[in-house]
Amino acid sequence: MKATAVAVLKPVPVMVTLVPTRPLVGVNEVMLGATMTVKSPALVPVPAELVTLIFPVVAAAGTVAVI
């Protein structure tokens, strides 16, 4: 007869689900040093020396990808 070792049972993890609460009512802290980013609606010309022309990489004709 063969003897089989029995594994120790692992305890089941405790799962806790909390219900979201509403924001606390009152005065918020003052945030110092925050900067604001504003989008510019106008296009600004850039010198040609700072522009790099790029193209999409295209696979050679007949290339097939199997996923």
PDB file of N, CA and C in Angstrom:
ATOM      1  N   MET A   1       0.843  -1.167   0.000  1.00  0.00           N
ATOM      2  CA  MET A   1       0.000   0.000   0.000  1.00  0.00           C
ATOM      3  C   MET A   1       0.894   1.239   0.000  1.00  0.00           C
ATOM      4  N   LYS A   2       0.507   2.220  -0.795  1.00  0.00           N
ATOM      5  CA  LYS A   2       1.275   3.462  -0.877  1.00  0.00           C
ATOM      6  C   LYS A   2       0.718   4.483   0.101  1.00  0.00           C
ATOM      7  N   ALA A   3       1.616   5.258   0.687  1.00  0.00           N
ATOM      8  CA  ALA A   3       1.199   6.334   1.576  1.00  0.00           C
ATOM      9  C   ALA A   3       1.236   7.653   0.806  1.00  0.00           C
ATOM     10  N   THR A   4       0.175   8.435   0.915  1.00  0.00           N
ATOM     11  CA  THR A   4       0.092   9.721   0.236  1.00  0.00           C
ATOM     12  C   THR A   4       0.097  10.831   1.272  1.00  0.00           C
ATOM     13  N   ALA A   5       1.000  11.781   1.084  1.00  0.00           N
ATOM     14  CA  ALA A   5       1.067  12.910   2.014  1.00  0.00           C
ATOM     15  C   ALA A   5      -0.121  13.826   1.775  1.00  0.00           C
ATOM     16  N   VAL A   6      -0.711  14.278   2.842  1.00  0.00           N
ATOM     17  CA  VAL A   6      -1.855  15.176   2.733  1.00  0.00           C
ATOM     18  C   VAL A   6      -1.374  16.603   2.961  1.00  0.00           C
ATOM     19  N   ALA A   7      -1.739  17.483   2.052  1.00  0.00           N
ATOM     20  CA  ALA A   7      -1.329  18.879   2.163  1.00  0.00           C
ATOM     21  C   ALA A   7      -2.158  19.588   3.225  1.00  0.00           C
ATOM     22  N   VAL A   8      -1.533  20.520   3.894  1.00  0.00           N
ATOM     23  CA  VAL A   8      -2.230  21.321   4.895  1.00  0.00           C
ATOM     24  C   VAL A   8      -3.163  22.286   4.177  1.00  0.00           C
ATOM     25  N   LEU A   9      -4.383  22.399   4.663  1.00  0.00           N
ATOM     26  CA  LEU A   9      -5.334  23.307   4.033  1.00  0.00           C
ATOM     27  C   LEU A   9      -4.937  24.752   4.295  1.00  0.00           C
ATOM     28  N   LYS A  10      -5.028  25.544   3.243  1.00  0.00           N
ATOM     29  CA  LYS A  10      -4.721  26.974   3.387  1.00  0.00           C
ATOM     30  C   LYS A  10      -5.960  27.680   3.911  1.00  0.00           C
ATOM     31  N   PRO A  11      -5.780  28.663   4.804  1.00  0.00           N
ATOM     32  CA  PRO A  11      -6.954  29.387   5.296  1.00  0.00           C
ATOM     33  C   PRO A  11      -7.553  30.252   4.185  1.00  0.00           C
ATOM     34  N   VAL A  12      -8.854  30.399   4.225  1.00  0.00           N
ATOM     35  CA  VAL A  12      -9.549  31.218   3.237  1.00  0.00           C
ATOM     36  C   VAL A  12      -9.283  32.680   3.556  1.00  0.00           C
ATOM     37  N   PRO A  13      -8.871  33.499   2.554  1.00  0.00           N
ATOM     38  CA  PRO A  13      -8.598  34.908   2.837  1.00  0.00           C
ATOM     39  C   PRO A  13      -9.875  35.652   3.228  1.00  0.00           C
ATOM     40  N   VAL A  14      -9.718  36.605   4.111  1.00  0.00           N
ATOM     41  CA  VAL A  14     -10.854  37.410   4.546  1.00  0.00           C
ATOM     42  C   VAL A  14     -11.056  38.516   3.526  1.00  0.00           C
ATOM     43  N   MET A  15     -12.274  38.644   3.016  1.00  0.00           N
ATOM     44  CA  MET A  15     -12.580  39.681   2.038  1.00  0.00           C
ATOM     45  C   MET A  15     -13.490  40.710   2.695  1.00  0.00           C
ATOM     46  N   VAL A  16     -13.095  41.963   2.585  1.00  0.00           N
ATOM     47  CA  VAL A  16     -13.875  43.045   3.176  1.00  0.00           C
ATOM     48  C   VAL A  16     -14.246  44.015   2.070  1.00  0.00           C
ATOM     49  N   THR A  17     -15.525  44.337   1.965  1.00  0.00           N
ATOM     50  CA  THR A  17     -15.995  45.299   0.972  1.00  0.00           C
ATOM     51  C   THR A  17     -16.553  46.503   1.716  1.00  0.00           C
ATOM     52  N   LEU A  18     -16.042  47.677   1.402  1.00  0.00           N
ATOM     53  CA  LEU A  18     -16.508  48.892   2.046  1.00  0.00           C
ATOM     54  C   LEU A  18     -17.400  49.677   1.096  1.00  0.00           C
ATOM     55  N   VAL A  19     -18.410  50.303   1.658  1.00  0.00           N
ATOM     56  CA  VAL A  19     -19.304  51.130   0.867  1.00  0.00           C
ATOM     57  C   VAL A  19     -18.679  52.515   0.750  1.00  0.00           C
ATOM     58  N   PRO A  20     -18.585  53.074  -0.471  1.00  0.00           N
ATOM     59  CA  PRO A  20     -18.009  54.417  -0.617  1.00  0.00           C
ATOM     60  C   PRO A  20     -18.817  55.438   0.186  1.00  0.00           C
ATOM     61  N   THR A  21     -18.114  56.384   0.738  1.00  0.00           N
ATOM     62  CA  THR A  21     -18.788  57.421   1.518  1.00  0.00           C
ATOM     63  C   THR A  21     -18.806  58.726   0.733  1.00  0.00           C
ATOM     64  N   ARG A  22     -19.619  59.631   1.180  1.00  0.00           N
ATOM     65  CA  ARG A  22     -19.689  60.938   0.537  1.00  0.00           C
ATOM     66  C   ARG A  22     -18.484  61.768   0.965  1.00  0.00           C
ATOM     67  N   PRO A  23     -18.142  62.806   0.214  1.00  0.00           N
ATOM     68  CA  PRO A  23     -17.033  63.683   0.615  1.00  0.00           C
ATOM     69  C   PRO A  23     -17.357  64.365   1.942  1.00  0.00           C
ATOM     70  N   LEU A  24     -16.329  64.608   2.719  1.00  0.00           N
ATOM     71  CA  LEU A  24     -16.516  65.299   3.981  1.00  0.00           C
ATOM     72  C   LEU A  24     -16.912  66.740   3.721  1.00  0.00           C
ATOM     73  N   VAL A  25     -17.867  67.234   4.469  1.00  0.00           N
ATOM     74  CA  VAL A  25     -18.349  68.594   4.305  1.00  0.00           C
ATOM     75  C   VAL A  25     -17.432  69.527   5.080  1.00  0.00           C
ATOM     76  N   GLY A  26     -17.068  70.640   4.480  1.00  0.00           N
ATOM     77  CA  GLY A  26     -16.235  71.606   5.178  1.00  0.00           C
ATOM     78  C   GLY A  26     -15.277  72.292   4.234  1.00  0.00           C
ATOM     79  N   VAL A  27     -14.306  72.974   4.802  1.00  0.00           N
ATOM     80  CA  VAL A  27     -13.333  73.733   4.037  1.00  0.00           C
ATOM     81  C   VAL A  27     -12.200  72.805   3.615  1.00  0.00           C
ATOM     82  N   ASN A  28     -11.798  72.895   2.360  1.00  0.00           N
ATOM     83  CA  ASN A  28     -10.667  72.106   1.869  1.00  0.00           C
ATOM     84  C   ASN A  28      -9.357  72.822   2.141  1.00  0.00           C
ATOM     85  N   GLU A  29      -8.263  72.053   2.099  1.00  0.00           N
ATOM     86  CA  GLU A  29      -6.944  72.647   2.292  1.00  0.00           C
ATOM     87  C   GLU A  29      -6.591  73.514   1.094  1.00  0.00           C
ATOM     88  N   VAL A  30      -5.767  74.512   1.320  1.00  0.00           N
ATOM     89  CA  VAL A  30      -5.304  75.381   0.248  1.00  0.00           C
ATOM     90  C   VAL A  30      -4.117  74.695  -0.415  1.00  0.00           C
ATOM     91  N   MET A  31      -4.143  74.583  -1.745  1.00  0.00           N
ATOM     92  CA  MET A  31      -3.037  73.975  -2.474  1.00  0.00           C
ATOM     93  C   MET A  31      -2.121  75.083  -2.979  1.00  0.00           C
ATOM     94  N   LEU A  32      -0.884  75.046  -2.555  1.00  0.00           N
ATOM     95  CA  LEU A  32       0.080  76.057  -2.961  1.00  0.00           C
ATOM     96  C   LEU A  32       1.004  75.503  -4.037  1.00  0.00           C
ATOM     97  N   GLY A  33       1.448  76.351  -4.926  1.00  0.00           N
ATOM     98  CA  GLY A  33       2.423  75.951  -5.927  1.00  0.00           C
ATOM     99  C   GLY A  33       1.838  75.236  -7.123  1.00  0.00           C
ATOM    100  N   ALA A  34       0.536  75.152  -7.224  1.00  0.00           N
ATOM    101  CA  ALA A  34      -0.074  74.487  -8.372  1.00  0.00           C
ATOM    102  C   ALA A  34       0.042  75.381  -9.599  1.00  0.00           C
ATOM    103  N   THR A  35       0.332  74.782 -10.719  1.00  0.00           N
ATOM    104  CA  THR A  35       0.398  75.536 -11.973  1.00  0.00           C
ATOM    105  C   THR A  35      -0.795  75.170 -12.827  1.00  0.00           C
ATOM    106  N   MET A  36      -1.154  76.034 -13.724  1.00  0.00           N
ATOM    107  CA  MET A  36      -2.287  75.805 -14.591  1.00  0.00           C
ATOM    108  C   MET A  36      -1.793  75.703 -16.037  1.00  0.00           C
ATOM    109  N   THR A  37      -2.277  74.701 -16.753  1.00  0.00           N
ATOM    110  CA  THR A  37      -1.931  74.536 -18.156  1.00  0.00           C
ATOM    111  C   THR A  37      -3.121  74.985 -18.993  1.00  0.00           C
ATOM    112  N   VAL A  38      -2.861  75.845 -19.955  1.00  0.00           N
ATOM    113  CA  VAL A  38      -3.923  76.353 -20.809  1.00  0.00           C
ATOM    114  C   VAL A  38      -3.586  75.977 -22.243  1.00  0.00           C
ATOM    115  N   LYS A  39      -4.566  75.412 -22.933  1.00  0.00           N
ATOM    116  CA  LYS A  39      -4.349  75.061 -24.335  1.00  0.00           C
ATOM    117  C   LYS A  39      -4.444  76.323 -25.184  1.00  0.00           C
ATOM    118  N   SER A  40      -3.525  76.412 -26.138  1.00  0.00           N
ATOM    119  CA  SER A  40      -3.533  77.560 -27.029  1.00  0.00           C
ATOM    120  C   SER A  40      -4.357  77.208 -28.269  1.00  0.00           C
ATOM    121  N   PRO A  41      -5.368  77.998 -28.587  1.00  0.00           N
ATOM    122  CA  PRO A  41      -6.191  77.675 -29.759  1.00  0.00           C
ATOM    123  C   PRO A  41      -5.482  77.962 -31.086  1.00  0.00           C
ATOM    124  N   ALA A  42      -4.412  78.760 -31.058  1.00  0.00           N
ATOM    125  CA  ALA A  42      -3.730  79.137 -32.289  1.00  0.00           C
ATOM    126  C   ALA A  42      -2.538  78.215 -32.550  1.00  0.00           C
ATOM    127  N   LEU A  43      -2.277  77.923 -33.801  1.00  0.00           N
ATOM    128  CA  LEU A  43      -1.097  77.158 -34.180  1.00  0.00           C
ATOM    129  C   LEU A  43       0.101  78.094 -34.223  1.00  0.00           C
ATOM    130  N   VAL A  44       1.222  77.621 -33.700  1.00  0.00           N
ATOM    131  CA  VAL A  44       2.423  78.438 -33.655  1.00  0.00           C
ATOM    132  C   VAL A  44       3.447  77.836 -34.607  1.00  0.00           C
ATOM    133  N   PRO A  45       4.003  78.625 -35.517  1.00  0.00           N
ATOM    134  CA  PRO A  45       4.994  78.071 -36.440  1.00  0.00           C
ATOM    135  C   PRO A  45       6.267  77.667 -35.704  1.00  0.00           C
ATOM    136  N   VAL A  46       6.870  76.555 -36.158  1.00  0.00           N
ATOM    137  CA  VAL A  46       8.096  76.038 -35.550  1.00  0.00           C
ATOM    138  C   VAL A  46       9.192  76.083 -36.608  1.00  0.00           C
ATOM    139  N   PRO A  47      10.406  76.483 -36.250  1.00  0.00           N
ATOM    140  CA  PRO A  47      11.492  76.506 -37.228  1.00  0.00           C
ATOM    141  C   PRO A  47      11.761  75.108 -37.799  1.00  0.00           C
ATOM    142  N   ALA A  48      12.080  75.045 -39.084  1.00  0.00           N
ATOM    143  CA  ALA A  48      12.294  73.771 -39.772  1.00  0.00           C
ATOM    144  C   ALA A  48      13.425  72.963 -39.140  1.00  0.00           C
ATOM    145  N   GLU A  49      14.405  73.607 -38.501  1.00  0.00           N
ATOM    146  CA  GLU A  49      15.520  72.891 -37.880  1.00  0.00           C
ATOM    147  C   GLU A  49      15.057  72.039 -36.695  1.00  0.00           C
ATOM    148  N   LEU A  50      13.919  72.360 -36.137  1.00  0.00           N
ATOM    149  CA  LEU A  50      13.416  71.648 -34.971  1.00  0.00           C
ATOM    150  C   LEU A  50      12.389  70.572 -35.320  1.00  0.00           C
ATOM    151  N   VAL A  51      12.114  70.396 -36.601  1.00  0.00           N
ATOM    152  CA  VAL A  51      11.089  69.445 -37.034  1.00  0.00           C
ATOM    153  C   VAL A  51      11.756  68.203 -37.602  1.00  0.00           C
ATOM    154  N   THR A  52      11.276  67.026 -37.154  1.00  0.00           N
ATOM    155  CA  THR A  52      11.739  65.758 -37.711  1.00  0.00           C
ATOM    156  C   THR A  52      10.566  65.123 -38.436  1.00  0.00           C
ATOM    157  N   LEU A  53      10.736  64.852 -39.714  1.00  0.00           N
ATOM    158  CA  LEU A  53       9.679  64.263 -40.513  1.00  0.00           C
ATOM    159  C   LEU A  53       9.690  62.762 -40.302  1.00  0.00           C
ATOM    160  N   ILE A  54       8.554  62.189 -39.898  1.00  0.00           N
ATOM    161  CA  ILE A  54       8.478  60.751 -39.676  1.00  0.00           C
ATOM    162  C   ILE A  54       7.342  60.168 -40.493  1.00  0.00           C
ATOM    163  N   PHE A  55       7.437  58.888 -40.788  1.00  0.00           N
ATOM    164  CA  PHE A  55       6.419  58.178 -41.544  1.00  0.00           C
ATOM    165  C   PHE A  55       6.050  56.906 -40.791  1.00  0.00           C
ATOM    166  N   PRO A  56       4.866  56.367 -41.014  1.00  0.00           N
ATOM    167  CA  PRO A  56       4.512  55.101 -40.373  1.00  0.00           C
ATOM    168  C   PRO A  56       5.334  53.959 -40.967  1.00  0.00           C
ATOM    169  N   VAL A  57       5.599  52.935 -40.155  1.00  0.00           N
ATOM    170  CA  VAL A  57       6.324  51.760 -40.622  1.00  0.00           C
ATOM    171  C   VAL A  57       5.318  50.842 -41.294  1.00  0.00           C
ATOM    172  N   VAL A  58       5.584  50.481 -42.535  1.00  0.00           N
ATOM    173  CA  VAL A  58       4.671  49.646 -43.303  1.00  0.00           C
ATOM    174  C   VAL A  58       5.363  48.331 -43.611  1.00  0.00           C
ATOM    175  N   ALA A  59       4.656  47.224 -43.401  1.00  0.00           N
ATOM    176  CA  ALA A  59       5.201  45.907 -43.696  1.00  0.00           C
ATOM    177  C   ALA A  59       5.291  45.726 -45.208  1.00  0.00           C
ATOM    178  N   ALA A  60       6.246  44.893 -45.620  1.00  0.00           N
ATOM    179  CA  ALA A  60       6.421  44.616 -47.039  1.00  0.00           C
ATOM    180  C   ALA A  60       5.184  43.925 -47.594  1.00  0.00           C
ATOM    181  N   ALA A  61       4.930  44.117 -48.867  1.00  0.00           N
ATOM    182  CA  ALA A  61       3.761  43.507 -49.507  1.00  0.00           C
ATOM    183  C   ALA A  61       3.835  41.988 -49.358  1.00  0.00           C
ATOM    184  N   GLY A  62       2.723  41.383 -49.014  1.00  0.00           N
ATOM    185  CA  GLY A  62       2.690  39.937 -48.853  1.00  0.00           C
ATOM    186  C   GLY A  62       2.989  39.464 -47.441  1.00  0.00           C
ATOM    187  N   THR A  63       3.313  40.373 -46.535  1.00  0.00           N
ATOM    188  CA  THR A  63       3.602  39.991 -45.156  1.00  0.00           C
ATOM    189  C   THR A  63       2.287  39.651 -44.460  1.00  0.00           C
ATOM    190  N   VAL A  64       2.283  38.523 -43.732  1.00  0.00           N
ATOM    191  CA  VAL A  64       1.073  38.081 -43.044  1.00  0.00           C
ATOM    192  C   VAL A  64       1.395  37.896 -41.566  1.00  0.00           C
ATOM    193  N   ALA A  65       0.514  38.352 -40.707  1.00  0.00           N
ATOM    194  CA  ALA A  65       0.679  38.163 -39.278  1.00  0.00           C
ATOM    195  C   ALA A  65      -0.372  37.177 -38.786  1.00  0.00           C
ATOM    196  N   VAL A  66       0.054  36.125 -38.105  1.00  0.00           N
ATOM    197  CA  VAL A  66      -0.886  35.154 -37.537  1.00  0.00           C
ATOM    198  C   VAL A  66      -0.935  35.392 -36.045  1.00  0.00           C
ATOM    199  N   ILE A  67      -2.127  35.698 -35.570  1.00  0.00           N
ATOM    200  CA  ILE A  67      -2.266  35.976 -34.142  1.00  0.00           C
ATOM    201  C   ILE A  67      -3.079  34.867 -33.520  1.00  0.00           C
TER     202      ILE A  67
END
